[in-house]
Each structure stands twice: as structure tokens, then as C-alpha cells.
Amino acid sequence: MAAIQTPHVIYTVTPVEKLCSLVLTSLHSEIRPILDRSKCVSSTATVLAADRFRRIGFPALYTMQRNRHLYSLVIVPKPTKFYPDPEGVQDQLAALPATAGVYLILVPGAPGHVSWSSNLRRRLGRLLASSYTAKTSVLQRMRENSSSIEYWPTGSKLESSLLLYQLGKQFFPDDYLFRLHLRLPWFVALMQESYPRVVTLSRASGKAQPILGPFVDRDAAVRYAEAVSNLFQLRRCSEVLQPDPHHPGCIYGEMNQCLRPCQCAVSAAEYRSETTRVSEFLLSNGKSAIASLSAARERAAEDMDFEAAGALHKRIEKLAAAAGERPAIVGDISTFSGLALTRGVERRMYRLWPMLNGCWQAPCDLDFTQRDSQTKSLDSHVRELLARSFLTPRTDGNPVEELALFSRWYYSSYREGEWFAFRNLSDLNYRKLVRAISNLVRTDTHGFSV
């Protein structure tokens, strides 16, 4: 039974409920994580609590909290653990899988080292037993003082990225983005101010709605934002407007590309009407506007008003050109949903990675290791798996960070797997998904696909 001593009282770590109730009483004004007898409910408050415990001098409780799964982004499976033996390290390394995976080195009195490799046996061999590291004092001390090494084989780089993100949040809650080199993606949003405007940003803002993304880079987001701004007459300045008839204005107002709210040239209702048109364009990527203008063009042509039809046709071309600057994958992050299909750890095993409203959900496993083991059709099996997965969807994540993980995988040149976007689960193209799964099974079995 471990104990934690403070200047006034000694708290025993066991039982957990008693300790947590004592500590949380003192921190009641700051955080209120909910604990039960089996697990800690996943929440941001729990991470804040663990960090608070560490800073005020409760290292044992911090370690206890850190080892729990603070976030349900990916249910971290039980790792394979071993204790390095200087005399038998070669045998231990030989037993490691020569596959991709994530590893964690726990050093007493120091933060853990977590990383990934395309070959676990080779990477850990370099750290623990290579002739180069024997001459490097830092790595030698790491090898001699490491209490244990844990590793998780992974079947895809998406799985490795999600697992690293999960472990990084647990062990490095203050700087995990820096350690993971995770760049937040770029978005295009309509900033809801007194006089809204189209902006590009890399962080979600409560004043922005809708927020569209993720774009591949900042340049792509800027191109789309400029294309949309050229179609409408919203302001482009970033100053806090105080409308005044004597305001000097800007060049966009002189070129009739701005309604000039700064000079009181329009009423608030007229500016709101233009804002509504921009919002509708962003949400549908111009499809609703193009549809209405196409119908008006047809009516003008039927009425022999060819000048009006020609003007409408030019307007449609401009709308289509602006919509073409936006990749098909980009959408409103509040409803960004889809499904990634990747290989699993073992041959003929595959994983489905659902995302709902910008948050990754628990993966679904497909096991084809036993030939002819399916008693029902693959389509029905996949539908049942996804229906169970979405019964209790996860909604407590950080959509911006999790979309950053998606962008790193989707826009990478080494992307493994396919992405199937949908708005609702009923909109998912199951036929295309089943065909992709069947092709993977056929490739892994016979070496070819159709």
C-alpha cells in the first residue's frame, strides 16, 4: 500500500475512491472529474486534474491517473511489455515483430519516450544494442536505466498516428502537439462579427460559423477564401468597424467589391442579406446558387432574353470557378463525417475507422483469417458493425486536432487505405465500401484485385 505525505496529513493511495474524494475536495473549486470504482470518465477535466495533481506534489496519484485512458479517441490495447536484460537483450530483440508499431520506453524519474517505427525490431535494436549507441552516453544511460519497454504493433500509419496522439496526451499533456509535430490544418470561415467577413484560420473560433476544412495547406485555403470574396461584397478589412459617413473607406469599396458598411453606405439588414448568401454558398459550395441561376438562365432563354441569359451564364461560370478551388473532401467541420478503411496488424485483418462530426470513433475490426468463416453477407456484417459503433458516439474530442490527424493521413503521399465520406450513416456508399474490402481480401489472398 503506497502513501502520499503532505505537511499535514498522510493519504493512502488504496483504496482509490477514498484518496480521490479527499484530494478532489481540496480542488473542488477548480475541477470536478467524476470517478467511479472502475474507471475515470474521459474528459478534459480529468487531464487538468492529473496535471494539477502532479504540480501540487501528488506524484503517485498523477502516475495512477496518467496510466488510465484519459481520452477515448483510440482504446489503447494492452501492450506487450518486456524488461531489457543486458545479457539477453539479443534474444529479446529477436522476439520482437519486424513490423510497424508504436513503442514506449519508461525511464524511472524521467518522462517516457514514445515514438513509432516502420520496423519495431530494427528501431529498438538500434536504441538498445547497436554499436553506435554503445558509444553514445545519452542512449547508453537510457538503455541501462529503462525499467520497461512497451510496444503496440500497428497495421497502418493512420493507426500509428492515432495511437501516438493518444499516448502523447497521456504522457505529455502540456506539449504533445510539439512533440508529435502535429500541425493544425487550415480552414475557411465566416467570422460572425457585427459585420461578418470571410477569413482563413488554423484554430476554431466560437465567433466563426460555418468553418470549412481541412485544406491541404494555407495557400489552398487563401485561394478559396479570395475566390469567394470576389463573388460577393462583404468587407475584407480586419478592423473593428465603427460606421461613420466620414470614414475614408478602402480600395475595394471604390471598385464596388465591398458594400462599404464602414461609410454607412448600406443598412445592417442589407449587409445581413449578403452575409446569408455567402453562408449558403460556403455550406453548399455554390451548388444551391448555381442551381437557382441555371433555372433563371433557362427561363430567360425560353423568353428570348438572350442578353440576360448570357449575363447569368457568366455569373454561373464565376461561381463554378470559385467552387472548383475547394477540394471535394472539404466540408463543414461540425458535420465532417466519414470512414477510413485500412489494413490490420495481421494478414487478412482490416480496420474501419469512423469519424463523426470531426471526432474519431472506436475502430471496427474485420477478421478474414478463417476462410469461409462468414455466415452472413459482408454488407450486412459491415452495417451491423457500424450501427453498433454509432449507438454511443464520442463527442468529447477536439475536432481541430483530430482533423489535423486526418489531414496528416489523407493528404500524405504515403496514404494507406481509402476514405469514404458521408453526411449521415445512411448516406454511406456501402457498395463501394464492400467492394474495397473485397479487393483487399482478394489482394492479400491471391495477390491481385479487380
Protein backbone atom coordinates (compact mmCIF):
# COMPACT_ATOMS: atom_id res chain seq x y z
CA MET A 1 0.00 0.00 0.00
CA ALA A 2 1.60 3.24 -1.17
CA ALA A 3 1.12 6.52 0.64
CA ILE A 4 1.43 10.23 -0.14
CA GLN A 5 2.62 12.52 2.64
CA THR A 6 1.84 16.22 2.84
CA PRO A 7 2.93 18.67 5.56
CA HIS A 8 -0.31 17.99 7.45
CA VAL A 9 -1.68 14.54 6.65
CA ILE A 10 -0.81 11.23 5.02
CA TYR A 11 -3.19 9.98 2.33
CA THR A 12 -3.14 6.32 1.38
CA VAL A 13 -3.38 5.56 -2.32
CA THR A 14 -5.54 2.50 -1.73
CA PRO A 15 -8.50 2.48 -1.83
CA VAL A 16 -8.66 4.82 -4.85
CA GLU A 17 -12.10 6.16 -4.02
CA LYS A 18 -11.09 7.45 -0.61
CA LEU A 19 -7.97 9.17 -1.90
CA CYS A 20 -9.73 10.77 -4.83
CA SER A 21 -12.52 12.07 -2.61
CA LEU A 22 -10.00 13.68 -0.24
CA VAL A 23 -7.94 15.27 -3.00
CA LEU A 24 -10.90 16.40 -5.08
CA THR A 25 -12.42 18.10 -2.04
CA SER A 26 -9.43 20.42 -1.91
CA LEU A 27 -9.67 21.08 -5.65
CA HIS A 28 -13.44 21.37 -5.79
CA SER A 29 -13.36 24.97 -6.96
CA GLU A 30 -11.11 24.18 -9.91
CA ILE A 31 -12.05 20.77 -11.29
CA ARG A 32 -14.65 18.12 -10.67
CA PRO A 33 -13.72 14.92 -12.52
CA ILE A 34 -16.14 12.11 -11.98
CA LEU A 35 -14.66 8.91 -10.62
CA ASP A 36 -16.26 5.57 -10.06
CA ARG A 37 -14.95 2.29 -8.75
CA SER A 38 -13.66 1.03 -12.07
CA LYS A 39 -12.53 3.85 -14.29
CA CYS A 40 -12.24 7.58 -14.71
CA VAL A 41 -14.70 9.18 -17.09
CA SER A 42 -12.93 10.58 -20.15
CA SER A 43 -12.97 14.36 -20.07
CA THR A 44 -10.74 17.36 -20.37
CA ALA A 45 -11.24 17.97 -16.65
CA THR A 46 -9.56 14.64 -15.91
CA VAL A 47 -6.41 15.71 -17.75
CA LEU A 48 -6.42 19.01 -15.90
CA ALA A 49 -6.85 17.11 -12.67
CA ALA A 50 -3.91 14.80 -13.41
CA ASP A 51 -1.69 17.74 -14.29
CA ARG A 52 -2.84 19.59 -11.16
CA PHE A 53 -2.00 16.53 -9.01
CA ARG A 54 1.48 16.41 -10.49
CA ARG A 55 2.18 20.10 -9.94
CA ILE A 56 0.98 20.28 -6.34
CA GLY A 57 3.01 17.28 -5.27
CA PHE A 58 0.95 14.11 -5.69
CA PRO A 59 3.24 12.08 -7.99
CA ALA A 60 1.76 8.67 -7.17
CA LEU A 61 -1.79 9.78 -7.93
CA TYR A 62 -0.54 11.54 -11.07
CA THR A 63 1.07 8.30 -12.24
CA MET A 64 -2.15 6.45 -11.49
CA GLN A 65 -4.21 8.94 -13.50
CA ARG A 66 -1.65 9.08 -16.30
CA ASN A 67 -1.81 5.35 -16.83
CA ARG A 68 -5.55 5.45 -17.29
CA HIS A 69 -7.01 6.11 -20.74
CA LEU A 70 -7.84 9.77 -20.31
CA TYR A 71 -9.34 10.04 -23.78
CA SER A 72 -11.42 7.59 -25.73
CA LEU A 73 -10.04 8.62 -29.13
CA VAL A 74 -8.50 5.18 -29.52
CA ILE A 75 -8.97 2.44 -26.95
CA VAL A 76 -5.32 1.69 -26.31
CA PRO A 77 -4.93 -2.10 -26.40
CA LYS A 78 -2.88 -3.92 -23.81
CA PRO A 79 0.78 -3.51 -24.80
CA THR A 80 3.44 -6.17 -24.95
CA LYS A 81 5.94 -5.37 -22.21
CA PHE A 82 9.46 -6.58 -21.52
CA TYR A 83 12.30 -5.57 -19.22
CA PRO A 84 15.64 -5.13 -21.00
CA ASP A 85 18.26 -7.61 -19.86
CA PRO A 86 21.84 -6.57 -20.69
CA GLU A 87 22.87 -10.19 -21.05
CA GLY A 88 19.88 -11.44 -23.01
CA VAL A 89 18.93 -8.33 -24.95
CA GLN A 90 19.70 -10.03 -28.30
CA ASP A 91 17.17 -12.77 -27.58
CA GLN A 92 14.62 -10.18 -26.50
CA LEU A 93 15.13 -8.22 -29.71
CA ALA A 94 14.84 -11.35 -31.81
CA ALA A 95 11.40 -11.96 -30.30
CA LEU A 96 10.16 -8.51 -31.38
CA PRO A 97 8.00 -8.31 -34.52
CA ALA A 98 9.67 -6.83 -37.60
CA THR A 99 6.53 -4.82 -38.33
CA ALA A 100 5.37 -1.25 -37.88
CA GLY A 101 4.28 -0.14 -34.46
CA VAL A 102 4.48 2.30 -31.56
CA TYR A 103 6.81 1.84 -28.59
CA LEU A 104 7.11 3.44 -25.17
CA ILE A 105 10.27 3.48 -23.04
CA LEU A 106 9.61 4.16 -19.37
CA VAL A 107 12.62 5.55 -17.51
CA PRO A 108 12.41 5.96 -13.71
CA GLY A 109 12.37 9.60 -12.69
CA ALA A 110 12.06 10.88 -16.26
CA PRO A 111 9.29 11.37 -18.82
CA GLY A 112 8.59 8.40 -21.02
CA HIS A 113 9.85 8.27 -24.59
CA VAL A 114 7.14 7.42 -27.10
CA SER A 115 7.63 7.10 -30.84
CA TRP A 116 6.81 4.90 -33.82
CA SER A 117 8.75 2.91 -36.35
CA SER A 118 8.10 1.01 -39.54
CA ASN A 119 10.16 -1.83 -38.05
CA LEU A 120 9.99 -2.25 -34.27
CA ARG A 121 12.78 -4.83 -34.08
CA ARG A 122 15.20 -2.65 -36.04
CA ARG A 123 14.40 0.57 -34.17
CA LEU A 124 14.63 -0.91 -30.67
CA GLY A 125 17.74 -2.79 -31.70
CA ARG A 126 19.41 0.49 -32.61
CA LEU A 127 18.41 2.01 -29.29
CA LEU A 128 19.41 -0.91 -27.11
CA ALA A 129 22.11 -2.99 -28.75
CA SER A 130 23.77 -1.27 -31.71
CA SER A 131 27.48 -0.47 -31.76
CA TYR A 132 26.67 3.19 -32.42
CA THR A 133 24.51 3.69 -29.32
CA ALA A 134 27.13 1.95 -27.18
CA LYS A 135 29.36 4.97 -27.77
CA THR A 136 26.62 7.50 -27.04
CA SER A 137 26.35 8.27 -23.35
CA VAL A 138 22.77 9.55 -23.52
CA LEU A 139 21.37 6.47 -25.21
CA GLN A 140 23.56 4.24 -23.07
CA ARG A 141 22.04 5.70 -19.90
CA MET A 142 18.60 5.25 -21.42
CA ARG A 143 19.38 1.62 -22.11
CA GLU A 144 20.77 0.96 -18.62
CA ASN A 145 18.08 2.82 -16.66
CA SER A 146 14.94 1.91 -18.60
CA SER A 147 12.62 -0.01 -16.34
CA SER A 148 10.41 -1.37 -19.09
CA ILE A 149 9.59 -1.13 -22.76
CA GLU A 150 6.07 -1.42 -24.10
CA TYR A 151 5.12 -1.73 -27.74
CA TRP A 152 2.00 -1.99 -29.89
CA PRO A 153 2.19 -3.42 -33.43
CA THR A 154 0.05 -1.40 -35.85
CA GLY A 155 -1.32 -2.18 -39.26
CA SER A 156 -1.31 1.29 -40.81
CA LYS A 157 0.18 4.74 -40.39
CA LEU A 158 -3.26 6.08 -39.51
CA GLU A 159 -3.43 3.67 -36.58
CA SER A 160 0.10 4.63 -35.51
CA SER A 161 -0.78 8.32 -35.70
CA LEU A 162 -3.95 7.94 -33.62
CA LEU A 163 -2.18 5.80 -31.04
CA LEU A 164 0.71 8.28 -30.77
CA TYR A 165 -1.77 11.10 -30.28
CA GLN A 166 -3.49 9.16 -27.51
CA LEU A 167 -0.24 8.34 -25.70
CA GLY A 168 1.12 11.85 -26.22
CA LYS A 169 -1.91 13.34 -24.50
CA GLN A 170 -1.47 10.99 -21.57
CA PHE A 171 2.26 11.45 -21.02
CA PHE A 172 2.86 14.99 -22.31
CA PRO A 173 -0.38 16.96 -21.80
CA ASP A 174 1.42 20.32 -21.98
CA ASP A 175 3.34 19.98 -25.26
CA TYR A 176 2.08 16.89 -27.08
CA LEU A 177 1.39 18.84 -30.28
CA PHE A 178 5.01 19.98 -30.40
CA ARG A 179 6.35 16.51 -29.65
CA LEU A 180 4.15 14.92 -32.30
CA HIS A 181 4.98 17.65 -34.86
CA LEU A 182 1.25 17.94 -35.42
CA ARG A 183 0.36 20.99 -37.48
CA LEU A 184 -3.18 22.22 -37.18
CA PRO A 185 -4.96 22.36 -40.55
CA TRP A 186 -6.22 25.48 -42.25
CA PHE A 187 -9.88 26.43 -42.53
CA VAL A 188 -12.04 28.99 -44.28
CA ALA A 189 -14.74 30.51 -42.09
CA LEU A 190 -17.33 33.23 -41.97
CA MET A 191 -16.43 35.33 -38.94
CA GLN A 192 -19.68 36.26 -37.19
CA GLU A 193 -18.95 39.83 -36.12
CA SER A 194 -21.15 42.89 -36.28
CA TYR A 195 -20.23 42.96 -39.97
CA PRO A 196 -19.14 39.41 -40.92
CA ARG A 197 -16.24 38.64 -43.27
CA VAL A 198 -14.59 35.59 -44.84
CA VAL A 199 -11.32 34.64 -43.14
CA THR A 200 -8.73 31.87 -43.11
CA LEU A 201 -7.67 30.42 -39.77
CA SER A 202 -5.93 27.40 -38.28
CA ARG A 203 -7.83 27.28 -35.00
CA ALA A 204 -11.54 27.02 -34.33
CA SER A 205 -13.18 30.18 -33.10
CA GLY A 206 -16.51 30.49 -31.35
CA LYS A 207 -17.28 33.54 -33.49
CA ALA A 208 -16.82 31.68 -36.78
CA GLN A 209 -19.71 29.81 -38.39
CA PRO A 210 -19.56 27.91 -40.66
CA ILE A 211 -15.97 26.63 -40.59
CA LEU A 212 -14.88 24.71 -43.67
CA GLY A 213 -11.89 22.40 -43.89
CA PRO A 214 -9.46 20.87 -43.64
CA PHE A 215 -7.48 22.31 -46.57
CA VAL A 216 -4.20 20.79 -47.62
CA ASP A 217 -2.26 23.96 -46.73
CA ARG A 218 -2.65 27.67 -46.10
CA ASP A 219 -2.28 28.60 -49.77
CA ALA A 220 -5.24 26.41 -50.75
CA ALA A 221 -7.39 27.98 -48.02
CA VAL A 222 -6.39 31.51 -49.07
CA ARG A 223 -7.18 30.80 -52.73
CA TYR A 224 -10.66 29.58 -51.89
CA ALA A 225 -11.33 32.47 -49.48
CA GLU A 226 -10.25 35.02 -52.11
CA ALA A 227 -12.36 33.33 -54.79
CA VAL A 228 -15.44 33.51 -52.54
CA SER A 229 -14.72 37.10 -51.54
CA ASN A 230 -14.51 38.11 -55.22
CA LEU A 231 -18.04 36.82 -55.80
CA PHE A 232 -19.69 38.82 -53.05
CA GLN A 233 -19.42 42.25 -51.46
CA LEU A 234 -18.53 41.51 -47.86
CA ARG A 235 -15.84 43.60 -46.27
CA ARG A 236 -12.23 42.35 -46.30
CA CYS A 237 -10.75 44.60 -43.64
CA SER A 238 -9.97 43.19 -40.20
CA GLU A 239 -10.52 46.34 -38.15
CA VAL A 240 -13.29 46.71 -35.62
CA LEU A 241 -15.76 48.76 -37.62
CA GLN A 242 -17.34 51.89 -36.23
CA PRO A 243 -19.52 53.03 -39.16
CA ASP A 244 -19.12 56.70 -39.91
CA PRO A 245 -20.13 58.60 -43.08
CA HIS A 246 -16.72 60.32 -42.97
CA HIS A 247 -14.74 57.05 -42.85
CA PRO A 248 -12.03 57.09 -45.58
CA GLY A 249 -13.04 53.63 -46.88
CA CYS A 250 -10.73 51.40 -48.92
CA ILE A 251 -9.90 50.45 -52.49
CA TYR A 252 -12.41 47.57 -52.53
CA GLY A 253 -15.24 50.00 -51.90
CA GLU A 254 -14.03 52.19 -54.76
CA MET A 255 -14.02 49.13 -57.08
CA ASN A 256 -17.56 48.22 -55.98
CA GLN A 257 -16.31 44.98 -54.38
CA CYS A 258 -17.49 45.94 -50.89
CA LEU A 259 -20.81 47.23 -49.61
CA ARG A 260 -18.90 49.86 -47.58
CA PRO A 261 -20.55 49.37 -44.18
CA CYS A 262 -17.76 51.49 -42.72
CA GLN A 263 -19.18 54.52 -44.56
CA CYS A 264 -22.82 53.69 -43.72
CA ALA A 265 -23.45 53.03 -47.43
CA VAL A 266 -25.78 50.10 -46.61
CA SER A 267 -28.09 49.24 -43.77
CA ALA A 268 -27.44 46.40 -41.35
CA ALA A 269 -30.31 44.41 -42.92
CA GLU A 270 -28.79 44.70 -46.40
CA TYR A 271 -25.41 43.55 -45.13
CA ARG A 272 -27.05 40.60 -43.34
CA SER A 273 -28.71 39.60 -46.62
CA GLU A 274 -25.32 39.48 -48.35
CA THR A 275 -23.92 37.52 -45.40
CA THR A 276 -26.70 34.95 -45.78
CA ARG A 277 -25.85 34.47 -49.44
CA VAL A 278 -22.18 33.90 -48.57
CA SER A 279 -23.09 31.42 -45.84
CA GLU A 280 -25.31 29.46 -48.24
CA PHE A 281 -22.52 29.41 -50.82
CA LEU A 282 -19.99 28.10 -48.30
CA LEU A 283 -22.27 25.37 -46.98
CA SER A 284 -23.21 24.04 -50.43
CA ASN A 285 -20.03 25.14 -52.25
CA GLY A 286 -22.20 27.13 -54.65
CA LYS A 287 -24.50 24.27 -55.68
CA SER A 288 -27.66 25.98 -54.46
CA ALA A 289 -26.75 29.28 -56.12
CA ILE A 290 -25.75 27.60 -59.38
CA ALA A 291 -29.00 25.61 -59.42
CA SER A 292 -31.17 28.72 -58.99
CA LEU A 293 -29.17 30.72 -61.56
CA SER A 294 -29.33 27.83 -64.04
CA ALA A 295 -33.12 27.76 -63.73
CA ALA A 296 -33.25 31.55 -64.24
CA ARG A 297 -30.98 31.21 -67.29
CA GLU A 298 -33.28 28.61 -68.82
CA ARG A 299 -36.31 30.83 -68.26
CA ALA A 300 -34.52 33.80 -69.84
CA ALA A 301 -33.57 31.70 -72.86
CA GLU A 302 -37.16 30.50 -73.26
CA ASP A 303 -38.33 34.13 -73.16
CA MET A 304 -35.79 35.00 -75.89
CA ASP A 305 -33.96 37.33 -73.47
CA PHE A 306 -30.51 36.24 -74.57
CA GLU A 307 -28.68 39.18 -73.01
CA ALA A 308 -29.98 38.26 -69.56
CA ALA A 309 -29.25 34.56 -70.23
CA GLY A 310 -25.68 35.45 -71.23
CA ALA A 311 -25.16 37.52 -68.08
CA LEU A 312 -26.50 34.69 -65.94
CA HIS A 313 -24.24 32.23 -67.74
CA LYS A 314 -21.17 34.35 -66.94
CA ARG A 315 -22.26 34.52 -63.32
CA ILE A 316 -22.61 30.73 -63.23
CA GLU A 317 -19.12 30.34 -64.69
CA LYS A 318 -17.67 32.57 -61.95
CA LEU A 319 -19.47 30.60 -59.26
CA ALA A 320 -18.25 27.30 -60.72
CA ALA A 321 -14.67 28.58 -60.92
CA ALA A 322 -14.74 29.62 -57.26
CA ALA A 323 -16.29 26.29 -56.23
CA GLY A 324 -13.52 24.49 -58.15
CA GLU A 325 -10.93 25.92 -55.77
CA ARG A 326 -12.36 23.81 -52.97
CA PRO A 327 -11.34 20.12 -52.74
CA ALA A 328 -14.19 17.64 -52.61
CA ILE A 329 -13.09 16.39 -49.18
CA VAL A 330 -13.51 19.83 -47.55
CA GLY A 331 -16.71 20.38 -45.59
CA ASP A 332 -18.23 21.94 -42.50
CA ILE A 333 -16.17 20.63 -39.59
CA SER A 334 -19.24 20.46 -37.34
CA THR A 335 -20.67 17.76 -39.61
CA PHE A 336 -17.45 16.33 -41.04
CA SER A 337 -18.02 12.55 -41.10
CA GLY A 338 -16.60 9.58 -42.92
CA LEU A 339 -14.93 6.22 -42.67
CA ALA A 340 -11.32 5.14 -43.25
CA LEU A 341 -10.51 1.60 -44.33
CA THR A 342 -7.01 0.31 -43.52
CA ARG A 343 -5.24 -2.99 -43.04
CA GLY A 344 -4.94 -4.53 -39.59
CA VAL A 345 -1.93 -5.94 -37.82
CA GLU A 346 -2.36 -9.47 -39.12
CA ARG A 347 -2.76 -10.61 -42.69
CA ARG A 348 -6.40 -10.69 -43.86
CA MET A 349 -7.42 -8.45 -40.95
CA TYR A 350 -8.77 -4.95 -41.59
CA ARG A 351 -10.00 -1.98 -39.58
CA LEU A 352 -12.72 0.58 -40.13
CA TRP A 353 -12.04 3.99 -38.55
CA PRO A 354 -15.27 6.01 -38.33
CA MET A 355 -15.30 9.77 -37.85
CA LEU A 356 -18.45 11.59 -36.76
CA ASN A 357 -18.76 15.37 -36.65
CA GLY A 358 -14.99 15.81 -36.66
CA CYS A 359 -14.29 13.25 -33.90
CA TRP A 360 -12.72 9.84 -34.41
CA GLN A 361 -14.74 6.92 -33.09
CA ALA A 362 -13.68 3.49 -31.84
CA PRO A 363 -12.46 1.30 -34.73
CA CYS A 364 -14.31 -1.75 -36.03
CA ASP A 365 -12.35 -4.92 -36.81
CA LEU A 366 -12.91 -7.19 -39.79
CA ASP A 367 -11.33 -10.63 -39.47
CA PHE A 368 -10.92 -12.79 -42.57
CA THR A 369 -8.15 -15.01 -41.23
CA GLN A 370 -10.50 -18.01 -41.30
CA ARG A 371 -11.55 -18.80 -44.84
CA ASP A 372 -15.29 -19.02 -45.40
CA SER A 373 -15.91 -18.07 -41.77
CA GLN A 374 -18.59 -15.51 -42.64
CA THR A 375 -22.09 -16.87 -42.09
CA LYS A 376 -23.73 -13.68 -43.35
CA SER A 377 -23.09 -11.32 -46.22
CA LEU A 378 -20.26 -8.84 -45.89
CA ASP A 379 -22.65 -5.95 -46.49
CA SER A 380 -24.86 -6.99 -43.55
CA HIS A 381 -21.85 -7.59 -41.32
CA VAL A 382 -20.42 -4.12 -42.03
CA ARG A 383 -23.79 -2.45 -41.47
CA GLU A 384 -24.16 -4.15 -38.08
CA LEU A 385 -20.63 -3.19 -37.01
CA LEU A 386 -21.11 0.47 -37.89
CA ALA A 387 -24.60 0.62 -36.37
CA ARG A 388 -23.20 -0.63 -33.05
CA SER A 389 -20.28 1.78 -33.28
CA PHE A 390 -22.60 4.79 -33.67
CA LEU A 391 -25.02 3.81 -30.90
CA THR A 392 -22.99 5.81 -28.37
CA PRO A 393 -20.84 8.14 -30.47
CA ARG A 394 -17.94 10.00 -28.94
CA THR A 395 -18.45 13.78 -28.85
CA ASP A 396 -15.91 14.99 -26.26
CA GLY A 397 -12.92 15.31 -28.58
CA ASN A 398 -11.10 18.25 -30.10
CA PRO A 399 -12.28 18.38 -33.76
CA VAL A 400 -9.45 20.68 -34.87
CA GLU A 401 -6.70 18.40 -33.54
CA GLU A 402 -8.41 15.26 -34.75
CA LEU A 403 -8.89 16.79 -38.20
CA ALA A 404 -5.17 17.54 -38.10
CA LEU A 405 -4.59 13.80 -37.70
CA PHE A 406 -6.96 13.20 -40.60
CA SER A 407 -5.14 15.75 -42.78
CA ARG A 408 -1.75 14.23 -41.98
CA TRP A 409 -3.03 10.86 -43.19
CA TYR A 410 -5.32 11.89 -46.05
CA TYR A 411 -3.08 14.44 -47.77
CA SER A 412 0.14 12.45 -47.31
CA SER A 413 1.93 10.82 -50.22
CA TYR A 414 2.20 7.59 -48.24
CA ARG A 415 -1.53 7.26 -47.51
CA GLU A 416 -2.56 3.68 -46.91
CA GLY A 417 -6.24 2.91 -47.16
CA GLU A 418 -9.33 4.62 -48.51
CA TRP A 419 -11.72 7.29 -47.23
CA PHE A 420 -15.50 7.13 -47.61
CA ALA A 421 -17.21 10.40 -46.76
CA PHE A 422 -20.85 10.67 -45.70
CA ARG A 423 -23.18 13.14 -44.02
CA ASN A 424 -25.26 10.52 -42.25
CA LEU A 425 -24.54 6.84 -41.88
CA SER A 426 -27.48 6.13 -44.19
CA ASP A 427 -25.67 8.10 -46.94
CA LEU A 428 -22.60 5.83 -46.82
CA ASN A 429 -21.93 4.08 -50.12
CA TYR A 430 -21.91 0.53 -48.75
CA ARG A 431 -21.50 -1.00 -52.19
CA LYS A 432 -18.26 0.91 -52.76
CA LEU A 433 -17.04 0.08 -49.25
CA VAL A 434 -17.77 -3.64 -49.61
CA ARG A 435 -16.04 -3.68 -52.99
CA ALA A 436 -12.94 -2.05 -51.47
CA ILE A 437 -12.87 -4.59 -48.62
CA SER A 438 -13.29 -7.46 -51.07
CA ASN A 439 -10.41 -6.16 -53.17
CA LEU A 440 -8.16 -6.02 -50.11
CA VAL A 441 -9.06 -9.58 -49.18
CA ARG A 442 -8.50 -10.77 -52.74
CA THR A 443 -5.15 -8.97 -52.92
CA ASP A 444 -3.91 -10.45 -49.64
CA THR A 445 -5.13 -13.91 -50.62
CA HIS A 446 -4.31 -14.23 -54.31
CA GLY A 447 -2.05 -11.24 -54.93
CA PHE A 448 -4.37 -9.34 -57.29
CA SER A 449 -7.53 -7.24 -57.17
CA VAL A 450 -10.22 -6.18 -59.56
